[in-house]
C-alpha atoms as a PDB file:
ATOM      1  CA  UNK A   1     -32.132  36.417  28.198  1.00  0.00           C
ATOM      2  CA  UNK A   2     -34.486  34.272  30.256  1.00  0.00           C
ATOM      3  CA  UNK A   3     -37.338  36.758  30.756  1.00  0.00           C
ATOM      4  CA  UNK A   4     -37.745  39.206  27.898  1.00  0.00           C
ATOM      5  CA  UNK A   5     -40.885  40.817  29.347  1.00  0.00           C
ATOM      6  CA  UNK A   6     -39.461  41.416  32.843  1.00  0.00           C
ATOM      7  CA  UNK A   7     -36.292  42.744  31.218  1.00  0.00           C
ATOM      8  CA  UNK A   8     -38.440  45.163  29.186  1.00  0.00           C
ATOM      9  CA  UNK A   9     -36.964  43.973  25.907  1.00  0.00           C
ATOM     10  CA  UNK A  10     -40.436  43.145  24.572  1.00  0.00           C
ATOM     11  CA  UNK A  11     -43.934  44.352  25.529  1.00  0.00           C
ATOM     12  CA  UNK A  12     -45.397  40.856  25.966  1.00  0.00           C
ATOM     13  CA  UNK A  13     -45.068  37.299  24.708  1.00  0.00           C
ATOM     14  CA  UNK A  14     -48.071  37.948  22.450  1.00  0.00           C
ATOM     15  CA  UNK A  15     -46.740  41.124  20.795  1.00  0.00           C
ATOM     16  CA  UNK A  16     -43.161  42.332  20.984  1.00  0.00           C
ATOM     17  CA  UNK A  17     -43.901  45.977  20.205  1.00  0.00           C
ATOM     18  CA  UNK A  18     -41.106  45.906  17.650  1.00  0.00           C
ATOM     19  CA  UNK A  19     -40.632  44.718  14.097  1.00  0.00           C
ATOM     20  CA  UNK A  20     -37.016  43.862  14.945  1.00  0.00           C
ATOM     21  CA  UNK A  21     -37.555  41.298  17.732  1.00  0.00           C
ATOM     22  CA  UNK A  22     -38.583  37.698  17.162  1.00  0.00           C
ATOM     23  CA  UNK A  23     -37.827  34.247  18.478  1.00  0.00           C
ATOM     24  CA  UNK A  24     -39.149  31.382  20.522  1.00  0.00           C
ATOM     25  CA  UNK A  25     -39.605  30.694  24.200  1.00  0.00           C
ATOM     26  CA  UNK A  26     -38.449  27.289  25.379  1.00  0.00           C
ATOM     27  CA  UNK A  27     -39.374  27.529  29.057  1.00  0.00           C
ATOM     28  CA  UNK A  28     -42.737  26.385  30.273  1.00  0.00           C
ATOM     29  CA  UNK A  29     -44.707  28.497  32.746  1.00  0.00           C
ATOM     30  CA  UNK A  30     -43.953  27.678  36.399  1.00  0.00           C
ATOM     31  CA  UNK A  31     -47.585  26.680  36.983  1.00  0.00           C
ATOM     32  CA  UNK A  32     -47.118  23.788  34.541  1.00  0.00           C
ATOM     33  CA  UNK A  33     -44.135  22.553  36.558  1.00  0.00           C
ATOM     34  CA  UNK A  34     -46.118  23.030  39.767  1.00  0.00           C
ATOM     35  CA  UNK A  35     -49.018  20.972  38.422  1.00  0.00           C
ATOM     36  CA  UNK A  36     -46.583  18.202  37.455  1.00  0.00           C
ATOM     37  CA  UNK A  37     -45.065  18.340  40.920  1.00  0.00           C
ATOM     38  CA  UNK A  38     -48.499  18.072  42.526  1.00  0.00           C
ATOM     39  CA  UNK A  39     -49.254  15.058  40.347  1.00  0.00           C
ATOM     40  CA  UNK A  40     -46.217  13.117  41.630  1.00  0.00           C
ATOM     41  CA  UNK A  41     -46.281  14.643  45.128  1.00  0.00           C
ATOM     42  CA  UNK A  42     -49.976  15.110  46.017  1.00  0.00           C
ATOM     43  CA  UNK A  43     -49.174  16.325  49.548  1.00  0.00           C
ATOM     44  CA  UNK A  44     -47.009  19.185  48.234  1.00  0.00           C
ATOM     45  CA  UNK A  45     -47.859  22.392  50.083  1.00  0.00           C
ATOM     46  CA  UNK A  46     -44.514  23.963  51.035  1.00  0.00           C
ATOM     47  CA  UNK A  47     -41.616  24.993  48.784  1.00  0.00           C
ATOM     48  CA  UNK A  48     -38.163  26.136  49.836  1.00  0.00           C
ATOM     49  CA  UNK A  49     -36.169  28.524  47.641  1.00  0.00           C
ATOM     50  CA  UNK A  50     -32.470  29.378  47.812  1.00  0.00           C
ATOM     51  CA  UNK A  51     -31.739  32.662  46.036  1.00  0.00           C
ATOM     52  CA  UNK A  52     -29.137  35.410  45.812  1.00  0.00           C
ATOM     53  CA  UNK A  53     -30.806  38.840  46.212  1.00  0.00           C
ATOM     54  CA  UNK A  54     -27.850  40.726  44.696  1.00  0.00           C
ATOM     55  CA  UNK A  55     -28.184  38.838  41.391  1.00  0.00           C
ATOM     56  CA  UNK A  56     -30.945  40.297  39.201  1.00  0.00           C
ATOM     57  CA  UNK A  57     -31.961  36.961  37.667  1.00  0.00           C
ATOM     58  CA  UNK A  58     -32.117  35.321  41.094  1.00  0.00           C
ATOM     59  CA  UNK A  59     -34.191  38.161  42.531  1.00  0.00           C
ATOM     60  CA  UNK A  60     -36.609  37.920  39.572  1.00  0.00           C
ATOM     61  CA  UNK A  61     -36.915  34.161  40.173  1.00  0.00           C
ATOM     62  CA  UNK A  62     -37.714  34.857  43.837  1.00  0.00           C
ATOM     63  CA  UNK A  63     -40.421  37.375  42.856  1.00  0.00           C
ATOM     64  CA  UNK A  64     -41.878  34.937  40.304  1.00  0.00           C
ATOM     65  CA  UNK A  65     -42.014  32.052  42.779  1.00  0.00           C
ATOM     66  CA  UNK A  66     -43.399  34.269  45.556  1.00  0.00           C
ATOM     67  CA  UNK A  67     -46.233  35.417  43.276  1.00  0.00           C
ATOM     68  CA  UNK A  68     -46.897  31.806  42.247  1.00  0.00           C
ATOM     69  CA  UNK A  69     -47.074  30.728  45.899  1.00  0.00           C
ATOM     70  CA  UNK A  70     -49.788  33.320  46.503  1.00  0.00           C
ATOM     71  CA  UNK A  71     -51.720  32.425  43.339  1.00  0.00           C
ATOM     72  CA  UNK A  72     -51.465  28.660  43.827  1.00  0.00           C
ATOM     73  CA  UNK A  73     -51.817  28.625  47.615  1.00  0.00           C
ATOM     74  CA  UNK A  74     -48.642  26.960  48.866  1.00  0.00           C
ATOM     75  CA  UNK A  75     -46.264  28.051  51.603  1.00  0.00           C
ATOM     76  CA  UNK A  76     -42.883  29.445  50.596  1.00  0.00           C
ATOM     77  CA  UNK A  77     -39.773  29.454  52.786  1.00  0.00           C
ATOM     78  CA  UNK A  78     -36.866  31.421  51.339  1.00  0.00           C
ATOM     79  CA  UNK A  79     -33.153  31.345  52.028  1.00  0.00           C
ATOM     80  CA  UNK A  80     -31.344  34.434  50.739  1.00  0.00           C
ATOM     81  CA  UNK A  81     -27.568  34.051  50.489  1.00  0.00           C
ATOM     82  CA  UNK A  82     -25.289  37.111  50.793  1.00  0.00           C
ATOM     83  CA  UNK A  83     -21.636  37.998  51.040  1.00  0.00           C
ATOM     84  CA  UNK A  84     -18.534  36.151  49.916  1.00  0.00           C
ATOM     85  CA  UNK A  85     -18.613  32.623  48.520  1.00  0.00           C
ATOM     86  CA  UNK A  86     -17.797  30.857  51.827  1.00  0.00           C
ATOM     87  CA  UNK A  87     -20.532  32.875  53.588  1.00  0.00           C
ATOM     88  CA  UNK A  88     -23.056  31.991  50.881  1.00  0.00           C
ATOM     89  CA  UNK A  89     -22.247  28.292  51.159  1.00  0.00           C
ATOM     90  CA  UNK A  90     -22.632  28.404  54.939  1.00  0.00           C
ATOM     91  CA  UNK A  91     -25.942  30.272  54.626  1.00  0.00           C
ATOM     92  CA  UNK A  92     -27.121  27.732  52.053  1.00  0.00           C
ATOM     93  CA  UNK A  93     -26.259  24.802  54.324  1.00  0.00           C
ATOM     94  CA  UNK A  94     -27.926  26.370  57.369  1.00  0.00           C
ATOM     95  CA  UNK A  95     -30.951  27.437  55.312  1.00  0.00           C
ATOM     96  CA  UNK A  96     -31.479  23.970  53.858  1.00  0.00           C
ATOM     97  CA  UNK A  97     -31.360  22.450  57.342  1.00  0.00           C
ATOM     98  CA  UNK A  98     -33.884  25.026  58.596  1.00  0.00           C
ATOM     99  CA  UNK A  99     -36.283  24.488  55.693  1.00  0.00           C
ATOM    100  CA  UNK A 100     -36.364  20.778  56.533  1.00  0.00           C
ATOM    101  CA  UNK A 101     -37.301  21.650  60.139  1.00  0.00           C
ATOM    102  CA  UNK A 102     -39.962  24.055  58.809  1.00  0.00           C
ATOM    103  CA  UNK A 103     -41.649  21.285  56.803  1.00  0.00           C
ATOM    104  CA  UNK A 104     -40.582  22.114  53.254  1.00  0.00           C
ATOM    105  CA  UNK A 105     -41.566  19.299  50.843  1.00  0.00           C
ATOM    106  CA  UNK A 106     -39.170  20.289  48.030  1.00  0.00           C
ATOM    107  CA  UNK A 107     -36.360  22.820  47.811  1.00  0.00           C
ATOM    108  CA  UNK A 108     -35.580  24.781  44.659  1.00  0.00           C
ATOM    109  CA  UNK A 109     -32.307  26.446  43.718  1.00  0.00           C
ATOM    110  CA  UNK A 110     -32.779  29.863  42.150  1.00  0.00           C
ATOM    111  CA  UNK A 111     -30.587  31.098  39.368  1.00  0.00           C
ATOM    112  CA  UNK A 112     -27.417  33.148  39.564  1.00  0.00           C
ATOM    113  CA  UNK A 113     -23.892  32.400  38.386  1.00  0.00           C
ATOM    114  CA  UNK A 114     -22.864  31.554  41.968  1.00  0.00           C
ATOM    115  CA  UNK A 115     -25.831  29.242  42.593  1.00  0.00           C
ATOM    116  CA  UNK A 116     -25.688  27.523  39.216  1.00  0.00           C
ATOM    117  CA  UNK A 117     -22.025  26.603  39.671  1.00  0.00           C
ATOM    118  CA  UNK A 118     -22.869  25.114  43.082  1.00  0.00           C
ATOM    119  CA  UNK A 119     -25.873  23.054  41.986  1.00  0.00           C
ATOM    120  CA  UNK A 120     -24.157  19.748  42.796  1.00  0.00           C
ATOM    121  CA  UNK A 121     -23.256  20.995  46.281  1.00  0.00           C
ATOM    122  CA  UNK A 122     -26.833  22.218  46.777  1.00  0.00           C
ATOM    123  CA  UNK A 123     -28.270  18.868  45.687  1.00  0.00           C
ATOM    124  CA  UNK A 124     -25.947  16.975  48.044  1.00  0.00           C
ATOM    125  CA  UNK A 125     -26.868  19.277  50.933  1.00  0.00           C
ATOM    126  CA  UNK A 126     -30.602  18.940  50.270  1.00  0.00           C
ATOM    127  CA  UNK A 127     -30.617  15.171  49.852  1.00  0.00           C
ATOM    128  CA  UNK A 128     -28.495  14.735  52.995  1.00  0.00           C
ATOM    129  CA  UNK A 129     -31.498  16.208  54.836  1.00  0.00           C
ATOM    130  CA  UNK A 130     -33.957  14.008  52.963  1.00  0.00           C
ATOM    131  CA  UNK A 131     -35.254  16.903  50.862  1.00  0.00           C
ATOM    132  CA  UNK A 132     -36.034  16.477  47.181  1.00  0.00           C
ATOM    133  CA  UNK A 133     -34.125  19.133  45.247  1.00  0.00           C
ATOM    134  CA  UNK A 134     -35.017  20.954  42.037  1.00  0.00           C
ATOM    135  CA  UNK A 135     -32.386  22.825  40.065  1.00  0.00           C
ATOM    136  CA  UNK A 136     -32.840  24.993  37.008  1.00  0.00           C
ATOM    137  CA  UNK A 137     -29.809  24.517  34.824  1.00  0.00           C
ATOM    138  CA  UNK A 138     -28.591  25.794  31.481  1.00  0.00           C
ATOM    139  CA  UNK A 139     -26.667  22.555  30.922  1.00  0.00           C
END
C-alpha cells in the first residue's frame, strides 16, 4: 500500500491509531523531489502529468500533485487517459505532444498498472518531443 493515510488504514504517519499496525515508509515527500528538481532545473515552473482517472492509485497521485502545484506555485498540465489500451496509448501520445506545446518543463507518469507497464513507451514518447520524463516505478 503506497499511501496508508489516504487509504484510511492508519490515522497518520505520526500515530497509527492501532496497536496492530507498524512499519516504515520508504517514499520521500513530493516536495523533497520538487526541491531537487528545482536545484537541477532552476527554470522549472510547469509540470505535465499523465494519469488514469479510473485507477484509484493514479487518481490519488493526480490529487497529490495538483495540491502540490498549488502549494509550491507551479503550473500543472494533466493528461487523463481513458478507455481501452489502444485508446489510452493514443491519448498519451497526443497529450505528451500537447504538453510540449503548452510549455511543460518535465512530464511525470502517474501510477496505475496500465501506466507502469508502459513506462518505457511513455519515456520514448516524451523524449522524442524533447521533454524530460519522470517515472515512478516499483522496479
